[in-house]
Amino acid sequence: MAKKAWIARNEKRKKAVEKYAEKRKALKEAGDYEGLQKLPRNASPTRVRNRCSITGRSRGFVGKYGISRIKFREMALNGELPGVKKASW
């Protein structure tokens, strides 16, 4: 499990991105790069990290399901993910 502070920091960044999305878009279209620099750093969408919704793990993130590879495997083997089964050939 990731540290609570890391998860909270990432959630804070998500809120900042959501808050400044319209303003960023307008500044980019206008070509006002000085105005963009004055916005908070966390308003940039590239600063948001994909994290597992269950454990908060940042690496091995499976985007389609929103969970880490470890939880994905556990849930798939337990039959908790519909339409997912172990491959065999």
N, C-alpha and C. Protein backbone atom coordinates (compact mmCIF):
# COMPACT_ATOMS: atom_id res chain seq x y z
N MET A 1 0.85 -1.19 0.00
CA MET A 1 0.00 0.00 0.00
C MET A 1 0.89 1.24 0.00
N ALA A 2 0.52 2.18 -0.84
CA ALA A 2 1.28 3.43 -0.92
C ALA A 2 1.01 4.28 0.32
N LYS A 3 1.93 5.20 0.59
CA LYS A 3 1.74 6.09 1.73
C LYS A 3 0.51 6.96 1.50
N LYS A 4 -0.21 7.22 2.57
CA LYS A 4 -1.43 8.01 2.48
C LYS A 4 -1.15 9.41 1.93
N ALA A 5 0.02 9.95 2.27
CA ALA A 5 0.37 11.30 1.81
C ALA A 5 0.53 11.34 0.30
N TRP A 6 1.11 10.29 -0.29
CA TRP A 6 1.28 10.25 -1.74
C TRP A 6 -0.07 10.20 -2.44
N ILE A 7 -0.96 9.39 -1.89
CA ILE A 7 -2.30 9.27 -2.48
C ILE A 7 -3.04 10.60 -2.36
N ALA A 8 -2.95 11.23 -1.18
CA ALA A 8 -3.62 12.51 -0.95
C ALA A 8 -3.06 13.59 -1.87
N ARG A 9 -1.74 13.61 -2.05
CA ARG A 9 -1.08 14.60 -2.90
C ARG A 9 -1.57 14.46 -4.34
N ASN A 10 -1.71 13.21 -4.78
CA ASN A 10 -2.17 12.97 -6.15
C ASN A 10 -3.62 13.41 -6.32
N GLU A 11 -4.45 13.18 -5.31
CA GLU A 11 -5.85 13.62 -5.37
C GLU A 11 -5.91 15.15 -5.42
N LYS A 12 -5.04 15.81 -4.67
CA LYS A 12 -4.99 17.26 -4.67
C LYS A 12 -4.62 17.78 -6.06
N ARG A 13 -3.70 17.09 -6.71
CA ARG A 13 -3.30 17.47 -8.07
C ARG A 13 -4.46 17.30 -9.04
N LYS A 14 -5.21 16.21 -8.90
CA LYS A 14 -6.36 15.97 -9.78
C LYS A 14 -7.37 17.11 -9.66
N LYS A 15 -7.60 17.56 -8.43
CA LYS A 15 -8.55 18.66 -8.22
C LYS A 15 -8.04 19.95 -8.85
N ALA A 16 -6.73 20.21 -8.74
CA ALA A 16 -6.15 21.41 -9.33
C ALA A 16 -6.25 21.38 -10.85
N VAL A 17 -6.01 20.23 -11.44
CA VAL A 17 -6.11 20.09 -12.90
C VAL A 17 -7.53 20.37 -13.34
N GLU A 18 -8.50 19.83 -12.60
CA GLU A 18 -9.91 20.03 -12.92
C GLU A 18 -10.29 21.51 -12.79
N LYS A 19 -9.77 22.15 -11.75
CA LYS A 19 -10.10 23.55 -11.48
C LYS A 19 -9.58 24.49 -12.56
N TYR A 20 -8.36 24.26 -13.03
CA TYR A 20 -7.73 25.16 -13.98
C TYR A 20 -7.81 24.70 -15.43
N ALA A 21 -8.55 23.66 -15.73
CA ALA A 21 -8.59 23.11 -17.09
C ALA A 21 -9.04 24.13 -18.12
N GLU A 22 -10.14 24.84 -17.85
CA GLU A 22 -10.67 25.82 -18.80
C GLU A 22 -9.69 26.98 -18.99
N LYS A 23 -9.12 27.44 -17.90
CA LYS A 23 -8.19 28.56 -17.97
C LYS A 23 -6.95 28.18 -18.76
N ARG A 24 -6.43 26.97 -18.53
CA ARG A 24 -5.26 26.49 -19.26
C ARG A 24 -5.56 26.41 -20.76
N LYS A 25 -6.73 25.90 -21.07
CA LYS A 25 -7.11 25.76 -22.47
C LYS A 25 -7.18 27.12 -23.17
N ALA A 26 -7.78 28.08 -22.48
CA ALA A 26 -7.90 29.43 -23.06
C ALA A 26 -6.52 30.07 -23.24
N LEU A 27 -5.64 29.93 -22.26
CA LEU A 27 -4.30 30.50 -22.35
C LEU A 27 -3.48 29.86 -23.47
N LYS A 28 -3.65 28.56 -23.64
CA LYS A 28 -2.92 27.85 -24.69
C LYS A 28 -3.38 28.30 -26.07
N GLU A 29 -4.69 28.44 -26.24
CA GLU A 29 -5.23 28.88 -27.53
C GLU A 29 -4.78 30.30 -27.86
N ALA A 30 -4.68 31.13 -26.84
CA ALA A 30 -4.26 32.51 -27.04
C ALA A 30 -2.75 32.61 -27.24
N GLY A 31 -2.02 31.57 -26.88
CA GLY A 31 -0.57 31.58 -27.00
C GLY A 31 0.11 32.36 -25.89
N ASP A 32 -0.58 32.54 -24.78
CA ASP A 32 -0.05 33.31 -23.64
C ASP A 32 0.72 32.37 -22.71
N TYR A 33 1.99 32.15 -23.05
CA TYR A 33 2.80 31.22 -22.27
C TYR A 33 3.26 31.81 -20.94
N GLU A 34 3.32 33.12 -20.86
CA GLU A 34 3.65 33.76 -19.58
C GLU A 34 2.51 33.56 -18.59
N GLY A 35 1.30 33.64 -19.09
CA GLY A 35 0.13 33.39 -18.24
C GLY A 35 0.08 31.95 -17.76
N LEU A 36 0.48 31.04 -18.63
CA LEU A 36 0.52 29.63 -18.24
C LEU A 36 1.54 29.39 -17.13
N GLN A 37 2.66 30.10 -17.21
CA GLN A 37 3.70 29.94 -16.20
C GLN A 37 3.26 30.44 -14.83
N LYS A 38 2.32 31.37 -14.82
CA LYS A 38 1.85 31.92 -13.55
C LYS A 38 0.84 31.01 -12.85
N LEU A 39 0.28 30.05 -13.57
CA LEU A 39 -0.62 29.09 -12.94
C LEU A 39 0.18 28.17 -12.01
N PRO A 40 -0.50 27.56 -11.04
CA PRO A 40 0.21 26.62 -10.16
C PRO A 40 0.77 25.44 -10.94
N ARG A 41 1.90 24.91 -10.48
CA ARG A 41 2.52 23.78 -11.16
C ARG A 41 1.58 22.57 -11.21
N ASN A 42 0.86 22.35 -10.13
CA ASN A 42 -0.01 21.18 -10.06
C ASN A 42 -1.25 21.30 -10.94
N ALA A 43 -1.41 22.42 -11.61
CA ALA A 43 -2.54 22.59 -12.54
C ALA A 43 -2.27 21.88 -13.86
N SER A 44 -1.02 21.45 -14.07
CA SER A 44 -0.67 20.75 -15.29
C SER A 44 -1.08 19.28 -15.21
N PRO A 45 -1.77 18.76 -16.23
CA PRO A 45 -2.22 17.36 -16.17
C PRO A 45 -1.09 16.34 -16.18
N THR A 46 0.10 16.74 -16.62
CA THR A 46 1.20 15.78 -16.65
C THR A 46 1.74 15.47 -15.26
N ARG A 47 1.36 16.25 -14.26
CA ARG A 47 1.84 16.01 -12.91
C ARG A 47 1.00 14.99 -12.16
N VAL A 48 -0.14 14.62 -12.71
CA VAL A 48 -0.99 13.61 -12.09
C VAL A 48 -0.44 12.22 -12.42
N ARG A 49 -0.34 11.39 -11.41
CA ARG A 49 0.21 10.05 -11.55
C ARG A 49 -0.93 9.04 -11.54
N ASN A 50 -0.89 8.08 -12.47
CA ASN A 50 -1.89 7.01 -12.45
C ASN A 50 -1.61 6.10 -11.26
N ARG A 51 -2.62 5.89 -10.43
CA ARG A 51 -2.46 5.04 -9.25
C ARG A 51 -3.59 4.04 -9.17
N CYS A 52 -3.29 2.89 -8.56
CA CYS A 52 -4.28 1.84 -8.34
C CYS A 52 -5.38 2.38 -7.42
N SER A 53 -6.62 2.16 -7.76
CA SER A 53 -7.72 2.68 -6.96
C SER A 53 -7.89 1.92 -5.65
N ILE A 54 -7.31 0.72 -5.54
CA ILE A 54 -7.43 -0.08 -4.33
C ILE A 54 -6.25 0.13 -3.39
N THR A 55 -5.03 -0.02 -3.92
CA THR A 55 -3.84 0.03 -3.08
C THR A 55 -3.08 1.34 -3.17
N GLY A 56 -3.24 2.09 -4.24
CA GLY A 56 -2.50 3.32 -4.43
C GLY A 56 -1.16 3.12 -5.10
N ARG A 57 -0.87 1.88 -5.52
CA ARG A 57 0.40 1.59 -6.18
C ARG A 57 0.48 2.36 -7.50
N SER A 58 1.67 2.94 -7.77
CA SER A 58 1.80 3.76 -8.96
C SER A 58 2.38 3.00 -10.15
N ARG A 59 3.14 1.98 -9.89
CA ARG A 59 3.76 1.24 -10.99
C ARG A 59 2.92 0.02 -11.34
N GLY A 60 3.01 -0.40 -12.60
CA GLY A 60 2.24 -1.56 -13.04
C GLY A 60 0.76 -1.27 -13.10
N PHE A 61 0.40 -0.08 -13.51
CA PHE A 61 -0.99 0.35 -13.57
C PHE A 61 -1.64 -0.15 -14.85
N VAL A 62 -2.78 -0.81 -14.74
CA VAL A 62 -3.55 -1.29 -15.89
C VAL A 62 -4.68 -0.28 -16.11
N GLY A 63 -4.50 0.56 -17.12
CA GLY A 63 -5.39 1.70 -17.32
C GLY A 63 -6.84 1.35 -17.57
N LYS A 64 -7.10 0.29 -18.30
CA LYS A 64 -8.48 -0.07 -18.65
C LYS A 64 -9.30 -0.38 -17.40
N TYR A 65 -8.65 -0.93 -16.38
CA TYR A 65 -9.35 -1.34 -15.17
C TYR A 65 -9.10 -0.41 -13.99
N GLY A 66 -8.08 0.43 -14.08
CA GLY A 66 -7.80 1.38 -13.02
C GLY A 66 -7.17 0.78 -11.78
N ILE A 67 -6.54 -0.39 -11.94
CA ILE A 67 -5.90 -1.05 -10.81
C ILE A 67 -4.49 -1.50 -11.20
N SER A 68 -3.71 -1.89 -10.21
CA SER A 68 -2.34 -2.34 -10.48
C SER A 68 -2.36 -3.77 -11.02
N ARG A 69 -1.24 -4.17 -11.59
CA ARG A 69 -1.13 -5.51 -12.18
C ARG A 69 -1.32 -6.60 -11.13
N ILE A 70 -0.89 -6.34 -9.91
CA ILE A 70 -0.99 -7.34 -8.84
C ILE A 70 -2.45 -7.56 -8.47
N LYS A 71 -3.18 -6.47 -8.23
CA LYS A 71 -4.60 -6.58 -7.90
C LYS A 71 -5.39 -7.12 -9.08
N PHE A 72 -4.97 -6.74 -10.29
CA PHE A 72 -5.64 -7.25 -11.49
C PHE A 72 -5.56 -8.77 -11.53
N ARG A 73 -4.37 -9.30 -11.26
CA ARG A 73 -4.17 -10.76 -11.30
C ARG A 73 -4.98 -11.44 -10.21
N GLU A 74 -4.95 -10.89 -9.00
CA GLU A 74 -5.70 -11.47 -7.89
C GLU A 74 -7.20 -11.50 -8.20
N MET A 75 -7.71 -10.39 -8.67
CA MET A 75 -9.14 -10.29 -8.95
C MET A 75 -9.54 -11.18 -10.12
N ALA A 76 -8.68 -11.28 -11.13
CA ALA A 76 -8.99 -12.13 -12.28
C ALA A 76 -9.02 -13.60 -11.87
N LEU A 77 -8.08 -14.02 -11.05
CA LEU A 77 -8.04 -15.42 -10.61
C LEU A 77 -9.21 -15.75 -9.70
N ASN A 78 -9.70 -14.77 -8.96
CA ASN A 78 -10.86 -14.99 -8.09
C ASN A 78 -12.18 -14.85 -8.83
N GLY A 79 -12.12 -14.49 -10.11
CA GLY A 79 -13.34 -14.34 -10.91
C GLY A 79 -14.09 -13.05 -10.63
N GLU A 80 -13.41 -12.04 -10.12
CA GLU A 80 -14.07 -10.78 -9.78
C GLU A 80 -14.09 -9.79 -10.95
N LEU A 81 -13.37 -10.11 -12.04
CA LEU A 81 -13.38 -9.26 -13.21
C LEU A 81 -14.12 -9.99 -14.33
N PRO A 82 -15.30 -9.53 -14.71
CA PRO A 82 -16.06 -10.23 -15.73
C PRO A 82 -15.37 -10.20 -17.09
N GLY A 83 -15.36 -11.32 -17.75
CA GLY A 83 -14.78 -11.42 -19.10
C GLY A 83 -13.29 -11.63 -19.11
N VAL A 84 -12.65 -11.73 -17.97
CA VAL A 84 -11.20 -11.93 -17.90
C VAL A 84 -10.93 -13.33 -17.38
N LYS A 85 -10.12 -14.06 -18.13
CA LYS A 85 -9.73 -15.39 -17.65
C LYS A 85 -8.29 -15.65 -18.03
N LYS A 86 -7.68 -16.59 -17.34
CA LYS A 86 -6.28 -16.89 -17.57
C LYS A 86 -6.13 -17.53 -18.94
N ALA A 87 -5.11 -17.08 -19.66
CA ALA A 87 -4.87 -17.62 -21.01
C ALA A 87 -4.23 -19.01 -20.92
N SER A 88 -4.61 -19.87 -21.82
CA SER A 88 -3.97 -21.18 -21.91
C SER A 88 -4.03 -21.63 -23.37
N TRP A 89 -2.91 -22.10 -23.87
CA TRP A 89 -2.85 -22.57 -25.26
C TRP A 89 -1.91 -23.72 -25.39
